[in-house]
Amino acid sequence: MKNEIKNHSTVKKGEIERKIEIIAWGLFFIWIGIAFLAGLSNGIGLLGVGIITLGGQAVRNYYNLNWNYFG
């Protein structure tokens, strides 16, 4: 799949952006659920959200996509 994403003739950038966004939102909701069920502090919960956000931006940067500014 990595080769397909790198080859922009087979996969459009919009599809890549959509997949990244879906994965990031999924990880976000999974993390929020874990944080609430485990009774983690707010700081740890926000730290996890920050890591997920930065990870999503790093993936976008890897595929030469524009940054997402929470629009």
PDB file of N, CA and C in Angstrom:
ATOM      1  N   MET A   1       0.826  -1.195   0.000  1.00  0.00           N
ATOM      2  CA  MET A   1       0.000   0.000   0.000  1.00  0.00           C
ATOM      3  C   MET A   1       0.863   1.248   0.000  1.00  0.00           C
ATOM      4  N   LYS A   2       2.043   1.167   0.614  1.00  0.00           N
ATOM      5  CA  LYS A   2       2.917   2.328   0.664  1.00  0.00           C
ATOM      6  C   LYS A   2       3.303   2.770  -0.741  1.00  0.00           C
ATOM      7  N   ASN A   3       3.586   1.814  -1.619  1.00  0.00           N
ATOM      8  CA  ASN A   3       3.936   2.157  -2.991  1.00  0.00           C
ATOM      9  C   ASN A   3       2.766   2.780  -3.728  1.00  0.00           C
ATOM     10  N   GLU A   4       1.556   2.315  -3.431  1.00  0.00           N
ATOM     11  CA  GLU A   4       0.383   2.890  -4.082  1.00  0.00           C
ATOM     12  C   GLU A   4       0.187   4.342  -3.674  1.00  0.00           C
ATOM     13  N   ILE A   5       0.434   4.641  -2.393  1.00  0.00           N
ATOM     14  CA  ILE A   5       0.240   6.013  -1.924  1.00  0.00           C
ATOM     15  C   ILE A   5       1.322   6.915  -2.490  1.00  0.00           C
ATOM     16  N   LYS A   6       2.538   6.431  -2.572  1.00  0.00           N
ATOM     17  CA  LYS A   6       3.612   7.236  -3.148  1.00  0.00           C
ATOM     18  C   LYS A   6       3.365   7.509  -4.633  1.00  0.00           C
ATOM     19  N   ASN A   7       2.763   6.568  -5.344  1.00  0.00           N
ATOM     20  CA  ASN A   7       2.474   6.732  -6.752  1.00  0.00           C
ATOM     21  C   ASN A   7       1.129   7.444  -6.889  1.00  0.00           C
ATOM     22  N   HIS A   8       1.179   8.737  -7.135  1.00  0.00           N
ATOM     23  CA  HIS A   8      -0.034   9.551  -7.143  1.00  0.00           C
ATOM     24  C   HIS A   8      -0.920   9.277  -8.355  1.00  0.00           C
ATOM     25  N   SER A   9      -0.445   8.487  -9.308  1.00  0.00           N
ATOM     26  CA  SER A   9      -1.285   8.175 -10.454  1.00  0.00           C
ATOM     27  C   SER A   9      -2.362   7.160 -10.087  1.00  0.00           C
ATOM     28  N   THR A  10      -2.112   6.337  -9.058  1.00  0.00           N
ATOM     29  CA  THR A  10      -3.101   5.332  -8.683  1.00  0.00           C
ATOM     30  C   THR A  10      -4.017   5.802  -7.556  1.00  0.00           C
ATOM     31  N   VAL A  11      -3.544   6.685  -6.703  1.00  0.00           N
ATOM     32  CA  VAL A  11      -4.346   7.168  -5.585  1.00  0.00           C
ATOM     33  C   VAL A  11      -4.312   8.691  -5.578  1.00  0.00           C
ATOM     34  N   LYS A  12      -5.464   9.308  -5.507  1.00  0.00           N
ATOM     35  CA  LYS A  12      -5.538  10.769  -5.492  1.00  0.00           C
ATOM     36  C   LYS A  12      -5.180  11.296  -4.118  1.00  0.00           C
ATOM     37  N   LYS A  13      -4.664  12.523  -4.077  1.00  0.00           N
ATOM     38  CA  LYS A  13      -4.294  13.137  -2.808  1.00  0.00           C
ATOM     39  C   LYS A  13      -5.495  13.289  -1.891  1.00  0.00           C
ATOM     40  N   GLY A  14      -6.640  13.579  -2.451  1.00  0.00           N
ATOM     41  CA  GLY A  14      -7.839  13.722  -1.635  1.00  0.00           C
ATOM     42  C   GLY A  14      -8.197  12.444  -0.903  1.00  0.00           C
ATOM     43  N   GLU A  15      -7.990  11.317  -1.550  1.00  0.00           N
ATOM     44  CA  GLU A  15      -8.258  10.027  -0.915  1.00  0.00           C
ATOM     45  C   GLU A  15      -7.270   9.768   0.220  1.00  0.00           C
ATOM     46  N   ILE A  16      -6.020  10.130   0.010  1.00  0.00           N
ATOM     47  CA  ILE A  16      -5.004   9.964   1.046  1.00  0.00           C
ATOM     48  C   ILE A  16      -5.347  10.828   2.250  1.00  0.00           C
ATOM     49  N   GLU A  17      -5.704  12.089   1.995  1.00  0.00           N
ATOM     50  CA  GLU A  17      -6.066  12.994   3.087  1.00  0.00           C
ATOM     51  C   GLU A  17      -7.257  12.457   3.864  1.00  0.00           C
ATOM     52  N   ARG A  18      -8.232  11.918   3.155  1.00  0.00           N
ATOM     53  CA  ARG A  18      -9.428  11.381   3.805  1.00  0.00           C
ATOM     54  C   ARG A  18      -9.082  10.188   4.693  1.00  0.00           C
ATOM     55  N   LYS A  19      -8.225   9.297   4.197  1.00  0.00           N
ATOM     56  CA  LYS A  19      -7.823   8.131   4.978  1.00  0.00           C
ATOM     57  C   LYS A  19      -7.054   8.537   6.227  1.00  0.00           C
ATOM     58  N   ILE A  20      -6.158   9.502   6.090  1.00  0.00           N
ATOM     59  CA  ILE A  20      -5.396   9.987   7.246  1.00  0.00           C
ATOM     60  C   ILE A  20      -6.340  10.590   8.276  1.00  0.00           C
ATOM     61  N   GLU A  21      -7.302  11.374   7.817  1.00  0.00           N
ATOM     62  CA  GLU A  21      -8.243  12.007   8.736  1.00  0.00           C
ATOM     63  C   GLU A  21      -9.112  10.974   9.450  1.00  0.00           C
ATOM     64  N   ILE A  22      -9.568   9.956   8.734  1.00  0.00           N
ATOM     65  CA  ILE A  22     -10.385   8.907   9.344  1.00  0.00           C
ATOM     66  C   ILE A  22      -9.587   8.157  10.402  1.00  0.00           C
ATOM     67  N   ILE A  23      -8.353   7.821  10.097  1.00  0.00           N
ATOM     68  CA  ILE A  23      -7.515   7.098  11.062  1.00  0.00           C
ATOM     69  C   ILE A  23      -7.249   7.959  12.292  1.00  0.00           C
ATOM     70  N   ALA A  24      -6.951   9.240  12.082  1.00  0.00           N
ATOM     71  CA  ALA A  24      -6.672  10.134  13.214  1.00  0.00           C
ATOM     72  C   ALA A  24      -7.893  10.285  14.114  1.00  0.00           C
ATOM     73  N   TRP A  25      -9.072  10.467  13.525  1.00  0.00           N
ATOM     74  CA  TRP A  25     -10.290  10.590  14.332  1.00  0.00           C
ATOM     75  C   TRP A  25     -10.582   9.289  15.078  1.00  0.00           C
ATOM     76  N   GLY A  26     -10.359   8.161  14.431  1.00  0.00           N
ATOM     77  CA  GLY A  26     -10.566   6.882  15.095  1.00  0.00           C
ATOM     78  C   GLY A  26      -9.647   6.716  16.295  1.00  0.00           C
ATOM     79  N   LEU A  27      -8.368   7.039  16.115  1.00  0.00           N
ATOM     80  CA  LEU A  27      -7.425   6.968  17.228  1.00  0.00           C
ATOM     81  C   LEU A  27      -7.808   7.935  18.346  1.00  0.00           C
ATOM     82  N   PHE A  28      -8.289   9.104  17.964  1.00  0.00           N
ATOM     83  CA  PHE A  28      -8.722  10.096  18.954  1.00  0.00           C
ATOM     84  C   PHE A  28      -9.836   9.538  19.832  1.00  0.00           C
ATOM     85  N   PHE A  29     -10.873   8.979  19.226  1.00  0.00           N
ATOM     86  CA  PHE A  29     -11.996   8.469  20.005  1.00  0.00           C
ATOM     87  C   PHE A  29     -11.606   7.235  20.823  1.00  0.00           C
ATOM     88  N   ILE A  30     -10.750   6.396  20.282  1.00  0.00           N
ATOM     89  CA  ILE A  30     -10.272   5.245  21.043  1.00  0.00           C
ATOM     90  C   ILE A  30      -9.483   5.722  22.263  1.00  0.00           C
ATOM     91  N   TRP A  31      -8.612   6.712  22.063  1.00  0.00           N
ATOM     92  CA  TRP A  31      -7.818   7.233  23.174  1.00  0.00           C
ATOM     93  C   TRP A  31      -8.705   7.878  24.242  1.00  0.00           C
ATOM     94  N   ILE A  32      -9.695   8.655  23.830  1.00  0.00           N
ATOM     95  CA  ILE A  32     -10.593   9.287  24.798  1.00  0.00           C
ATOM     96  C   ILE A  32     -11.311   8.207  25.607  1.00  0.00           C
ATOM     97  N   GLY A  33     -11.766   7.153  24.953  1.00  0.00           N
ATOM     98  CA  GLY A  33     -12.427   6.061  25.653  1.00  0.00           C
ATOM     99  C   GLY A  33     -11.500   5.387  26.655  1.00  0.00           C
ATOM    100  N   ILE A  34     -10.270   5.132  26.251  1.00  0.00           N
ATOM    101  CA  ILE A  34      -9.303   4.512  27.161  1.00  0.00           C
ATOM    102  C   ILE A  34      -9.024   5.427  28.347  1.00  0.00           C
ATOM    103  N   ALA A  35      -8.848   6.714  28.072  1.00  0.00           N
ATOM    104  CA  ALA A  35      -8.538   7.668  29.145  1.00  0.00           C
ATOM    105  C   ALA A  35      -9.669   7.735  30.167  1.00  0.00           C
ATOM    106  N   PHE A  36     -10.923   7.752  29.702  1.00  0.00           N
ATOM    107  CA  PHE A  36     -12.053   7.804  30.628  1.00  0.00           C
ATOM    108  C   PHE A  36     -12.206   6.503  31.399  1.00  0.00           C
ATOM    109  N   LEU A  37     -12.113   5.377  30.711  1.00  0.00           N
ATOM    110  CA  LEU A  37     -12.295   4.094  31.382  1.00  0.00           C
ATOM    111  C   LEU A  37     -11.176   3.788  32.372  1.00  0.00           C
ATOM    112  N   ALA A  38      -9.963   4.211  32.069  1.00  0.00           N
ATOM    113  CA  ALA A  38      -8.835   3.956  32.954  1.00  0.00           C
ATOM    114  C   ALA A  38      -8.732   4.993  34.063  1.00  0.00           C
ATOM    115  N   GLY A  39      -9.504   6.060  33.958  1.00  0.00           N
ATOM    116  CA  GLY A  39      -9.468   7.104  34.980  1.00  0.00           C
ATOM    117  C   GLY A  39      -8.184   7.913  34.967  1.00  0.00           C
ATOM    118  N   LEU A  40      -7.632   8.127  33.783  1.00  0.00           N
ATOM    119  CA  LEU A  40      -6.398   8.905  33.682  1.00  0.00           C
ATOM    120  C   LEU A  40      -6.678  10.372  33.953  1.00  0.00           C
ATOM    121  N   SER A  41      -5.649  11.088  34.368  1.00  0.00           N
ATOM    122  CA  SER A  41      -5.822  12.517  34.639  1.00  0.00           C
ATOM    123  C   SER A  41      -6.015  13.284  33.327  1.00  0.00           C
ATOM    124  N   ASN A  42      -6.508  14.504  33.453  1.00  0.00           N
ATOM    125  CA  ASN A  42      -6.744  15.325  32.269  1.00  0.00           C
ATOM    126  C   ASN A  42      -5.448  15.609  31.507  1.00  0.00           C
ATOM    127  N   GLY A  43      -4.361  15.791  32.240  1.00  0.00           N
ATOM    128  CA  GLY A  43      -3.077  16.069  31.597  1.00  0.00           C
ATOM    129  C   GLY A  43      -2.615  14.927  30.713  1.00  0.00           C
ATOM    130  N   ILE A  44      -2.742  13.719  31.198  1.00  0.00           N
ATOM    131  CA  ILE A  44      -2.347  12.541  30.404  1.00  0.00           C
ATOM    132  C   ILE A  44      -3.269  12.403  29.197  1.00  0.00           C
ATOM    133  N   GLY A  45      -4.551  12.649  29.399  1.00  0.00           N
ATOM    134  CA  GLY A  45      -5.502  12.578  28.286  1.00  0.00           C
ATOM    135  C   GLY A  45      -5.165  13.585  27.194  1.00  0.00           C
ATOM    136  N   LEU A  46      -4.868  14.818  27.598  1.00  0.00           N
ATOM    137  CA  LEU A  46      -4.515  15.848  26.617  1.00  0.00           C
ATOM    138  C   LEU A  46      -3.176  15.571  25.950  1.00  0.00           C
ATOM    139  N   LEU A  47      -2.262  14.981  26.685  1.00  0.00           N
ATOM    140  CA  LEU A  47      -0.972  14.615  26.101  1.00  0.00           C
ATOM    141  C   LEU A  47      -1.166  13.591  24.988  1.00  0.00           C
ATOM    142  N   GLY A  48      -2.030  12.618  25.227  1.00  0.00           N
ATOM    143  CA  GLY A  48      -2.323  11.622  24.195  1.00  0.00           C
ATOM    144  C   GLY A  48      -2.959  12.247  22.967  1.00  0.00           C
ATOM    145  N   VAL A  49      -3.879  13.184  23.182  1.00  0.00           N
ATOM    146  CA  VAL A  49      -4.516  13.878  22.056  1.00  0.00           C
ATOM    147  C   VAL A  49      -3.474  14.668  21.268  1.00  0.00           C
ATOM    148  N   GLY A  50      -2.548  15.305  21.965  1.00  0.00           N
ATOM    149  CA  GLY A  50      -1.483  16.050  21.288  1.00  0.00           C
ATOM    150  C   GLY A  50      -0.588  15.154  20.462  1.00  0.00           C
ATOM    151  N   ILE A  51      -0.274  13.994  20.992  1.00  0.00           N
ATOM    152  CA  ILE A  51       0.574  13.040  20.256  1.00  0.00           C
ATOM    153  C   ILE A  51      -0.146  12.544  19.006  1.00  0.00           C
ATOM    154  N   ILE A  52      -1.438  12.267  19.131  1.00  0.00           N
ATOM    155  CA  ILE A  52      -2.215  11.826  17.964  1.00  0.00           C
ATOM    156  C   ILE A  52      -2.256  12.927  16.907  1.00  0.00           C
ATOM    157  N   THR A  53      -2.450  14.165  17.345  1.00  0.00           N
ATOM    158  CA  THR A  53      -2.507  15.302  16.414  1.00  0.00           C
ATOM    159  C   THR A  53      -1.172  15.490  15.693  1.00  0.00           C
ATOM    160  N   LEU A  54      -0.087  15.475  16.455  1.00  0.00           N
ATOM    161  CA  LEU A  54       1.231  15.641  15.837  1.00  0.00           C
ATOM    162  C   LEU A  54       1.575  14.474  14.919  1.00  0.00           C
ATOM    163  N   GLY A  55       1.148  13.277  15.291  1.00  0.00           N
ATOM    164  CA  GLY A  55       1.373  12.118  14.432  1.00  0.00           C
ATOM    165  C   GLY A  55       0.647  12.254  13.104  1.00  0.00           C
ATOM    166  N   GLY A  56      -0.587  12.738  13.150  1.00  0.00           N
ATOM    167  CA  GLY A  56      -1.345  12.968  11.919  1.00  0.00           C
ATOM    168  C   GLY A  56      -0.679  13.998  11.023  1.00  0.00           C
ATOM    169  N   GLN A  57      -0.156  15.055  11.633  1.00  0.00           N
ATOM    170  CA  GLN A  57       0.529  16.084  10.855  1.00  0.00           C
ATOM    171  C   GLN A  57       1.838  15.544  10.261  1.00  0.00           C
ATOM    172  N   ALA A  58       2.520  14.686  11.008  1.00  0.00           N
ATOM    173  CA  ALA A  58       3.763  14.091  10.504  1.00  0.00           C
ATOM    174  C   ALA A  58       3.491  13.203   9.294  1.00  0.00           C
ATOM    175  N   VAL A  59       2.401  12.449   9.348  1.00  0.00           N
ATOM    176  CA  VAL A  59       2.038  11.600   8.205  1.00  0.00           C
ATOM    177  C   VAL A  59       1.692  12.470   7.003  1.00  0.00           C
ATOM    178  N   ARG A  60       0.955  13.550   7.237  1.00  0.00           N
ATOM    179  CA  ARG A  60       0.617  14.467   6.131  1.00  0.00           C
ATOM    180  C   ARG A  60       1.894  15.055   5.526  1.00  0.00           C
ATOM    181  N   ASN A  61       2.855  15.404   6.369  1.00  0.00           N
ATOM    182  CA  ASN A  61       4.114  15.957   5.889  1.00  0.00           C
ATOM    183  C   ASN A  61       4.890  14.907   5.092  1.00  0.00           C
ATOM    184  N   TYR A  62       4.860  13.653   5.531  1.00  0.00           N
ATOM    185  CA  TYR A  62       5.563  12.571   4.846  1.00  0.00           C
ATOM    186  C   TYR A  62       5.047  12.395   3.417  1.00  0.00           C
ATOM    187  N   TYR A  63       3.743  12.543   3.228  1.00  0.00           N
ATOM    188  CA  TYR A  63       3.150  12.383   1.898  1.00  0.00           C
ATOM    189  C   TYR A  63       3.034  13.705   1.142  1.00  0.00           C
ATOM    190  N   ASN A  64       3.725  14.736   1.607  1.00  0.00           N
ATOM    191  CA  ASN A  64       3.760  16.048   0.954  1.00  0.00           C
ATOM    192  C   ASN A  64       2.366  16.646   0.785  1.00  0.00           C
ATOM    193  N   LEU A  65       1.543  16.534   1.808  1.00  0.00           N
ATOM    194  CA  LEU A  65       0.217  17.130   1.807  1.00  0.00           C
ATOM    195  C   LEU A  65       0.244  18.407   2.629  1.00  0.00           C
ATOM    196  N   ASN A  66      -0.731  19.280   2.391  1.00  0.00           N
ATOM    197  CA  ASN A  66      -0.816  20.504   3.177  1.00  0.00           C
ATOM    198  C   ASN A  66      -1.175  20.184   4.616  1.00  0.00           C
ATOM    199  N   TRP A  67      -0.722  21.026   5.523  1.00  0.00           N
ATOM    200  CA  TRP A  67      -1.015  20.847   6.954  1.00  0.00           C
ATOM    201  C   TRP A  67      -2.486  21.112   7.202  1.00  0.00           C
ATOM    202  N   ASN A  68      -3.036  20.431   8.170  1.00  0.00           N
ATOM    203  CA  ASN A  68      -4.428  20.628   8.577  1.00  0.00           C
ATOM    204  C   ASN A  68      -4.437  21.576   9.768  1.00  0.00           C
ATOM    205  N   TYR A  69      -5.089  22.731   9.628  1.00  0.00           N
ATOM    206  CA  TYR A  69      -5.105  23.742  10.664  1.00  0.00           C
ATOM    207  C   TYR A  69      -6.398  23.732  11.460  1.00  0.00           C
ATOM    208  N   PHE A  70      -7.005  22.559  11.655  1.00  0.00           N
ATOM    209  CA  PHE A  70      -8.241  22.400  12.430  1.00  0.00           C
ATOM    210  C   PHE A  70      -9.354  23.270  11.892  1.00  0.00           C
ATOM    211  N   GLY A  71      -9.529  23.240  10.600  1.00  0.00           N
ATOM    212  CA  GLY A  71     -10.530  24.079   9.954  1.00  0.00           C
ATOM    213  C   GLY A  71     -11.895  23.488   9.960  1.00  0.00           C
TER     214      GLY A  71
END
